[in-house]
Amino acid sequence: MAQEVKNDIKKALQVNTIPLIAIMTAVTTVLTMLVKIPTPIRGYLNLSDTMIYFSAYAFGPWVGGIIGGLGPALSDLISGYPQWACRPCSWACSSRSSIRRTSSSVR
């Protein structure tokens, strides 16, 4: 099991996927910042999850996990919410949800 995970990560992080991760992270960040629907509890809803799940389904769960960790964190930093960007729990939840939901459909 552990060897399979290592092989999946190596396959996902090849040289040609690093620019793809950068572009999809930028698109996720922009879509997170463009569409902000305010909520009554001083937060907002956005389109980041749609881009995270799209990238996870299209390019694999590990790529989606990386994008899910970086995209929303960058948008939080740029938007003025650095307290949410620095929380390891936010990174872990976004990354884990895309890896978990798409890994069963990819195999």
N, C-alpha and C. Protein backbone atom coordinates (compact mmCIF):
# COMPACT_ATOMS: atom_id res chain seq x y z
N MET A 1 0.82 -1.19 0.00
CA MET A 1 0.00 0.00 0.00
C MET A 1 0.86 1.26 0.00
N ALA A 2 1.88 1.30 0.87
CA ALA A 2 2.73 2.48 0.95
C ALA A 2 3.53 2.66 -0.34
N GLN A 3 3.95 1.56 -0.94
CA GLN A 3 4.70 1.64 -2.19
C GLN A 3 3.82 2.18 -3.32
N GLU A 4 2.55 1.80 -3.32
CA GLU A 4 1.62 2.31 -4.33
C GLU A 4 1.44 3.81 -4.21
N VAL A 5 1.36 4.30 -2.98
CA VAL A 5 1.21 5.73 -2.76
C VAL A 5 2.46 6.47 -3.22
N LYS A 6 3.64 5.92 -2.94
CA LYS A 6 4.89 6.54 -3.41
C LYS A 6 4.92 6.61 -4.93
N ASN A 7 4.53 5.53 -5.59
CA ASN A 7 4.53 5.52 -7.05
C ASN A 7 3.52 6.50 -7.61
N ASP A 8 2.35 6.63 -6.96
CA ASP A 8 1.36 7.60 -7.41
C ASP A 8 1.87 9.02 -7.30
N ILE A 9 2.56 9.32 -6.20
CA ILE A 9 3.10 10.67 -6.01
C ILE A 9 4.20 10.96 -7.03
N LYS A 10 5.07 10.00 -7.27
CA LYS A 10 6.13 10.19 -8.26
C LYS A 10 5.55 10.41 -9.65
N LYS A 11 4.50 9.67 -9.97
CA LYS A 11 3.87 9.81 -11.28
C LYS A 11 3.17 11.16 -11.40
N ALA A 12 2.59 11.64 -10.30
CA ALA A 12 1.87 12.91 -10.33
C ALA A 12 2.81 14.10 -10.40
N LEU A 13 3.99 14.01 -9.81
CA LEU A 13 4.90 15.15 -9.76
C LEU A 13 6.05 15.02 -10.74
N GLN A 14 5.73 14.83 -11.99
CA GLN A 14 6.75 14.81 -13.02
C GLN A 14 7.02 16.24 -13.47
N VAL A 15 8.04 16.41 -14.29
CA VAL A 15 8.46 17.74 -14.71
C VAL A 15 7.35 18.45 -15.49
N ASN A 16 6.61 17.73 -16.30
CA ASN A 16 5.58 18.39 -17.11
C ASN A 16 4.33 18.74 -16.33
N THR A 17 4.16 18.25 -15.11
CA THR A 17 2.98 18.60 -14.33
C THR A 17 3.20 19.80 -13.42
N ILE A 18 4.43 20.21 -13.20
CA ILE A 18 4.69 21.35 -12.33
C ILE A 18 4.14 22.65 -12.92
N PRO A 19 4.33 22.95 -14.22
CA PRO A 19 3.68 24.15 -14.78
C PRO A 19 2.15 24.05 -14.76
N LEU A 20 1.63 22.86 -14.94
CA LEU A 20 0.19 22.65 -14.87
C LEU A 20 -0.33 22.97 -13.47
N ILE A 21 0.38 22.54 -12.46
CA ILE A 21 -0.01 22.84 -11.08
C ILE A 21 0.03 24.35 -10.84
N ALA A 22 1.05 25.02 -11.37
CA ALA A 22 1.15 26.47 -11.18
C ALA A 22 -0.01 27.20 -11.85
N ILE A 23 -0.35 26.80 -13.07
CA ILE A 23 -1.44 27.46 -13.80
C ILE A 23 -2.78 27.19 -13.13
N MET A 24 -3.03 25.96 -12.75
CA MET A 24 -4.31 25.63 -12.12
C MET A 24 -4.42 26.26 -10.73
N THR A 25 -3.30 26.42 -10.03
CA THR A 25 -3.34 27.12 -8.75
C THR A 25 -3.69 28.59 -8.96
N ALA A 26 -3.12 29.20 -10.00
CA ALA A 26 -3.45 30.59 -10.30
C ALA A 26 -4.91 30.75 -10.69
N VAL A 27 -5.43 29.84 -11.50
CA VAL A 27 -6.85 29.91 -11.89
C VAL A 27 -7.75 29.72 -10.68
N THR A 28 -7.39 28.78 -9.81
CA THR A 28 -8.17 28.56 -8.60
C THR A 28 -8.16 29.80 -7.71
N THR A 29 -7.01 30.44 -7.59
CA THR A 29 -6.89 31.65 -6.78
C THR A 29 -7.76 32.76 -7.35
N VAL A 30 -7.72 32.95 -8.67
CA VAL A 30 -8.50 34.01 -9.30
C VAL A 30 -9.99 33.74 -9.16
N LEU A 31 -10.42 32.51 -9.39
CA LEU A 31 -11.85 32.20 -9.25
C LEU A 31 -12.32 32.31 -7.81
N THR A 32 -11.45 32.03 -6.89
CA THR A 32 -11.81 32.19 -5.48
C THR A 32 -12.02 33.66 -5.14
N MET A 33 -11.21 34.51 -5.74
CA MET A 33 -11.29 35.94 -5.43
C MET A 33 -12.36 36.66 -6.23
N LEU A 34 -12.68 36.19 -7.43
CA LEU A 34 -13.64 36.88 -8.28
C LEU A 34 -15.07 36.75 -7.77
N VAL A 35 -15.49 35.55 -7.50
CA VAL A 35 -16.87 35.31 -7.10
C VAL A 35 -16.91 35.15 -5.58
N LYS A 36 -17.39 36.19 -4.92
CA LYS A 36 -17.52 36.15 -3.46
C LYS A 36 -18.97 36.42 -3.11
N ILE A 37 -19.63 35.44 -2.56
CA ILE A 37 -21.00 35.59 -2.11
C ILE A 37 -20.96 35.70 -0.59
N PRO A 38 -21.27 36.88 -0.05
CA PRO A 38 -21.18 37.05 1.40
C PRO A 38 -22.18 36.18 2.16
N THR A 39 -21.77 35.73 3.32
CA THR A 39 -22.65 34.96 4.19
C THR A 39 -22.89 35.76 5.48
N PRO A 40 -23.93 35.42 6.22
CA PRO A 40 -24.24 36.19 7.44
C PRO A 40 -23.19 36.07 8.54
N ILE A 41 -22.32 35.09 8.47
CA ILE A 41 -21.34 34.90 9.54
C ILE A 41 -19.98 35.52 9.19
N ARG A 42 -20.00 36.58 8.37
CA ARG A 42 -18.81 37.34 7.97
C ARG A 42 -17.82 36.53 7.15
N GLY A 43 -18.29 35.57 6.42
CA GLY A 43 -17.46 34.82 5.50
C GLY A 43 -17.97 34.99 4.09
N TYR A 44 -17.54 34.13 3.20
CA TYR A 44 -18.04 34.18 1.83
C TYR A 44 -17.96 32.80 1.19
N LEU A 45 -18.80 32.59 0.20
CA LEU A 45 -18.77 31.38 -0.61
C LEU A 45 -18.07 31.72 -1.92
N ASN A 46 -17.37 30.74 -2.51
CA ASN A 46 -16.64 31.01 -3.73
C ASN A 46 -16.61 29.77 -4.63
N LEU A 47 -15.89 29.88 -5.75
CA LEU A 47 -15.82 28.80 -6.73
C LEU A 47 -14.55 27.96 -6.61
N SER A 48 -13.85 28.03 -5.50
CA SER A 48 -12.59 27.30 -5.41
C SER A 48 -12.79 25.79 -5.45
N ASP A 49 -13.82 25.29 -4.81
CA ASP A 49 -14.04 23.84 -4.79
C ASP A 49 -14.31 23.28 -6.18
N THR A 50 -14.99 24.04 -7.02
CA THR A 50 -15.25 23.53 -8.38
C THR A 50 -13.94 23.35 -9.15
N MET A 51 -13.02 24.30 -9.01
CA MET A 51 -11.73 24.16 -9.70
C MET A 51 -10.87 23.07 -9.08
N ILE A 52 -10.96 22.91 -7.77
CA ILE A 52 -10.18 21.86 -7.12
C ILE A 52 -10.64 20.49 -7.58
N TYR A 53 -11.96 20.28 -7.60
CA TYR A 53 -12.48 18.98 -8.01
C TYR A 53 -12.27 18.75 -9.51
N PHE A 54 -12.38 19.81 -10.32
CA PHE A 54 -12.11 19.65 -11.75
C PHE A 54 -10.67 19.22 -11.98
N SER A 55 -9.74 19.89 -11.32
CA SER A 55 -8.33 19.53 -11.52
C SER A 55 -8.03 18.15 -10.97
N ALA A 56 -8.69 17.76 -9.89
CA ALA A 56 -8.46 16.43 -9.33
C ALA A 56 -9.01 15.35 -10.27
N TYR A 57 -10.17 15.59 -10.84
CA TYR A 57 -10.72 14.60 -11.78
C TYR A 57 -9.96 14.57 -13.09
N ALA A 58 -9.52 15.74 -13.56
CA ALA A 58 -8.84 15.81 -14.86
C ALA A 58 -7.38 15.38 -14.80
N PHE A 59 -6.68 15.71 -13.73
CA PHE A 59 -5.24 15.50 -13.69
C PHE A 59 -4.77 14.56 -12.59
N GLY A 60 -5.68 14.03 -11.81
CA GLY A 60 -5.31 13.07 -10.78
C GLY A 60 -5.48 13.64 -9.38
N PRO A 61 -5.65 12.76 -8.42
CA PRO A 61 -5.94 13.21 -7.06
C PRO A 61 -4.79 13.94 -6.37
N TRP A 62 -3.56 13.58 -6.66
CA TRP A 62 -2.44 14.26 -5.99
C TRP A 62 -2.25 15.67 -6.52
N VAL A 63 -2.43 15.85 -7.81
CA VAL A 63 -2.35 17.20 -8.39
C VAL A 63 -3.49 18.04 -7.83
N GLY A 64 -4.69 17.47 -7.76
CA GLY A 64 -5.82 18.19 -7.17
C GLY A 64 -5.59 18.53 -5.71
N GLY A 65 -4.92 17.64 -4.99
CA GLY A 65 -4.61 17.91 -3.59
C GLY A 65 -3.65 19.07 -3.41
N ILE A 66 -2.66 19.15 -4.27
CA ILE A 66 -1.70 20.26 -4.20
C ILE A 66 -2.41 21.57 -4.54
N ILE A 67 -3.21 21.53 -5.59
CA ILE A 67 -3.95 22.72 -5.99
C ILE A 67 -4.95 23.12 -4.91
N GLY A 68 -5.56 22.13 -4.27
CA GLY A 68 -6.51 22.41 -3.20
C GLY A 68 -5.86 23.02 -1.98
N GLY A 69 -4.61 22.76 -1.77
CA GLY A 69 -3.90 23.38 -0.65
C GLY A 69 -3.40 24.77 -0.95
N LEU A 70 -2.87 24.96 -2.17
CA LEU A 70 -2.24 26.23 -2.51
C LEU A 70 -3.22 27.31 -2.96
N GLY A 71 -4.18 26.96 -3.80
CA GLY A 71 -5.09 27.96 -4.38
C GLY A 71 -5.86 28.77 -3.36
N PRO A 72 -6.63 28.12 -2.49
CA PRO A 72 -7.36 28.89 -1.48
C PRO A 72 -6.45 29.62 -0.49
N ALA A 73 -5.30 29.06 -0.19
CA ALA A 73 -4.37 29.74 0.74
C ALA A 73 -3.84 31.03 0.12
N LEU A 74 -3.50 30.99 -1.16
CA LEU A 74 -3.03 32.20 -1.82
C LEU A 74 -4.13 33.26 -1.88
N SER A 75 -5.34 32.84 -2.17
CA SER A 75 -6.43 33.81 -2.24
C SER A 75 -6.71 34.41 -0.86
N ASP A 76 -6.58 33.62 0.19
CA ASP A 76 -6.75 34.16 1.54
C ASP A 76 -5.66 35.18 1.86
N LEU A 77 -4.43 34.89 1.46
CA LEU A 77 -3.34 35.84 1.71
C LEU A 77 -3.56 37.15 0.95
N ILE A 78 -3.96 37.04 -0.31
CA ILE A 78 -4.14 38.23 -1.13
C ILE A 78 -5.37 39.02 -0.70
N SER A 79 -6.43 38.33 -0.27
CA SER A 79 -7.68 38.98 0.09
C SER A 79 -7.66 39.62 1.47
N GLY A 80 -6.64 39.38 2.24
CA GLY A 80 -6.56 40.00 3.56
C GLY A 80 -7.03 39.11 4.70
N TYR A 81 -7.04 37.80 4.48
CA TYR A 81 -7.40 36.85 5.53
C TYR A 81 -6.23 35.91 5.82
N PRO A 82 -5.09 36.43 6.24
CA PRO A 82 -3.93 35.56 6.42
C PRO A 82 -4.09 34.54 7.55
N GLN A 83 -4.99 34.82 8.48
CA GLN A 83 -5.18 33.87 9.57
C GLN A 83 -5.76 32.55 9.06
N TRP A 84 -6.49 32.57 7.95
CA TRP A 84 -7.04 31.34 7.40
C TRP A 84 -6.05 30.65 6.47
N ALA A 85 -5.12 31.39 5.90
CA ALA A 85 -4.15 30.80 4.99
C ALA A 85 -3.09 30.01 5.72
N CYS A 86 -2.78 30.39 6.95
CA CYS A 86 -1.68 29.77 7.68
C CYS A 86 -2.10 28.56 8.51
N ARG A 87 -3.38 28.23 8.48
CA ARG A 87 -3.85 27.11 9.29
C ARG A 87 -3.58 25.78 8.57
N PRO A 88 -2.80 24.90 9.16
CA PRO A 88 -2.53 23.60 8.54
C PRO A 88 -3.81 22.78 8.35
N CYS A 89 -4.79 23.01 9.19
CA CYS A 89 -6.05 22.28 9.07
C CYS A 89 -6.75 22.64 7.76
N SER A 90 -6.70 23.90 7.34
CA SER A 90 -7.33 24.30 6.07
C SER A 90 -6.65 23.62 4.90
N TRP A 91 -5.33 23.59 4.90
CA TRP A 91 -4.59 22.93 3.83
C TRP A 91 -4.92 21.45 3.80
N ALA A 92 -4.90 20.84 4.96
CA ALA A 92 -5.13 19.40 5.02
C ALA A 92 -6.54 19.04 4.59
N CYS A 93 -7.51 19.82 4.99
CA CYS A 93 -8.91 19.50 4.64
C CYS A 93 -9.14 19.65 3.14
N SER A 94 -8.66 20.73 2.54
CA SER A 94 -8.85 20.92 1.09
C SER A 94 -8.13 19.85 0.29
N SER A 95 -6.89 19.59 0.67
CA SER A 95 -6.11 18.59 -0.07
C SER A 95 -6.69 17.19 0.10
N ARG A 96 -7.03 16.86 1.32
CA ARG A 96 -7.51 15.51 1.59
C ARG A 96 -8.86 15.25 0.94
N SER A 97 -9.72 16.25 0.88
CA SER A 97 -11.03 16.01 0.28
C SER A 97 -10.91 15.74 -1.21
N SER A 98 -10.01 16.43 -1.91
CA SER A 98 -9.88 16.16 -3.34
C SER A 98 -9.18 14.82 -3.58
N ILE A 99 -8.22 14.47 -2.75
CA ILE A 99 -7.54 13.18 -2.92
C ILE A 99 -8.50 12.04 -2.62
N ARG A 100 -9.25 12.19 -1.56
CA ARG A 100 -10.14 11.13 -1.13
C ARG A 100 -11.30 10.92 -2.10
N ARG A 101 -11.92 12.00 -2.56
CA ARG A 101 -13.09 11.87 -3.41
C ARG A 101 -12.76 11.40 -4.80
N THR A 102 -11.57 11.70 -5.29
CA THR A 102 -11.25 11.32 -6.66
C THR A 102 -10.41 10.06 -6.78
N SER A 103 -9.76 9.64 -5.71
CA SER A 103 -8.89 8.46 -5.83
C SER A 103 -9.69 7.21 -6.12
N SER A 104 -10.90 7.11 -5.65
CA SER A 104 -11.69 5.92 -5.94
C SER A 104 -12.19 5.93 -7.37
N SER A 105 -12.44 7.10 -7.95
CA SER A 105 -12.94 7.13 -9.32
C SER A 105 -11.82 7.03 -10.35
N VAL A 106 -10.58 7.38 -9.97
CA VAL A 106 -9.47 7.32 -10.90
C VAL A 106 -9.01 5.89 -11.13
N ARG A 107 -9.04 5.08 -10.10
CA ARG A 107 -8.52 3.72 -10.22
C ARG A 107 -9.42 2.83 -10.95
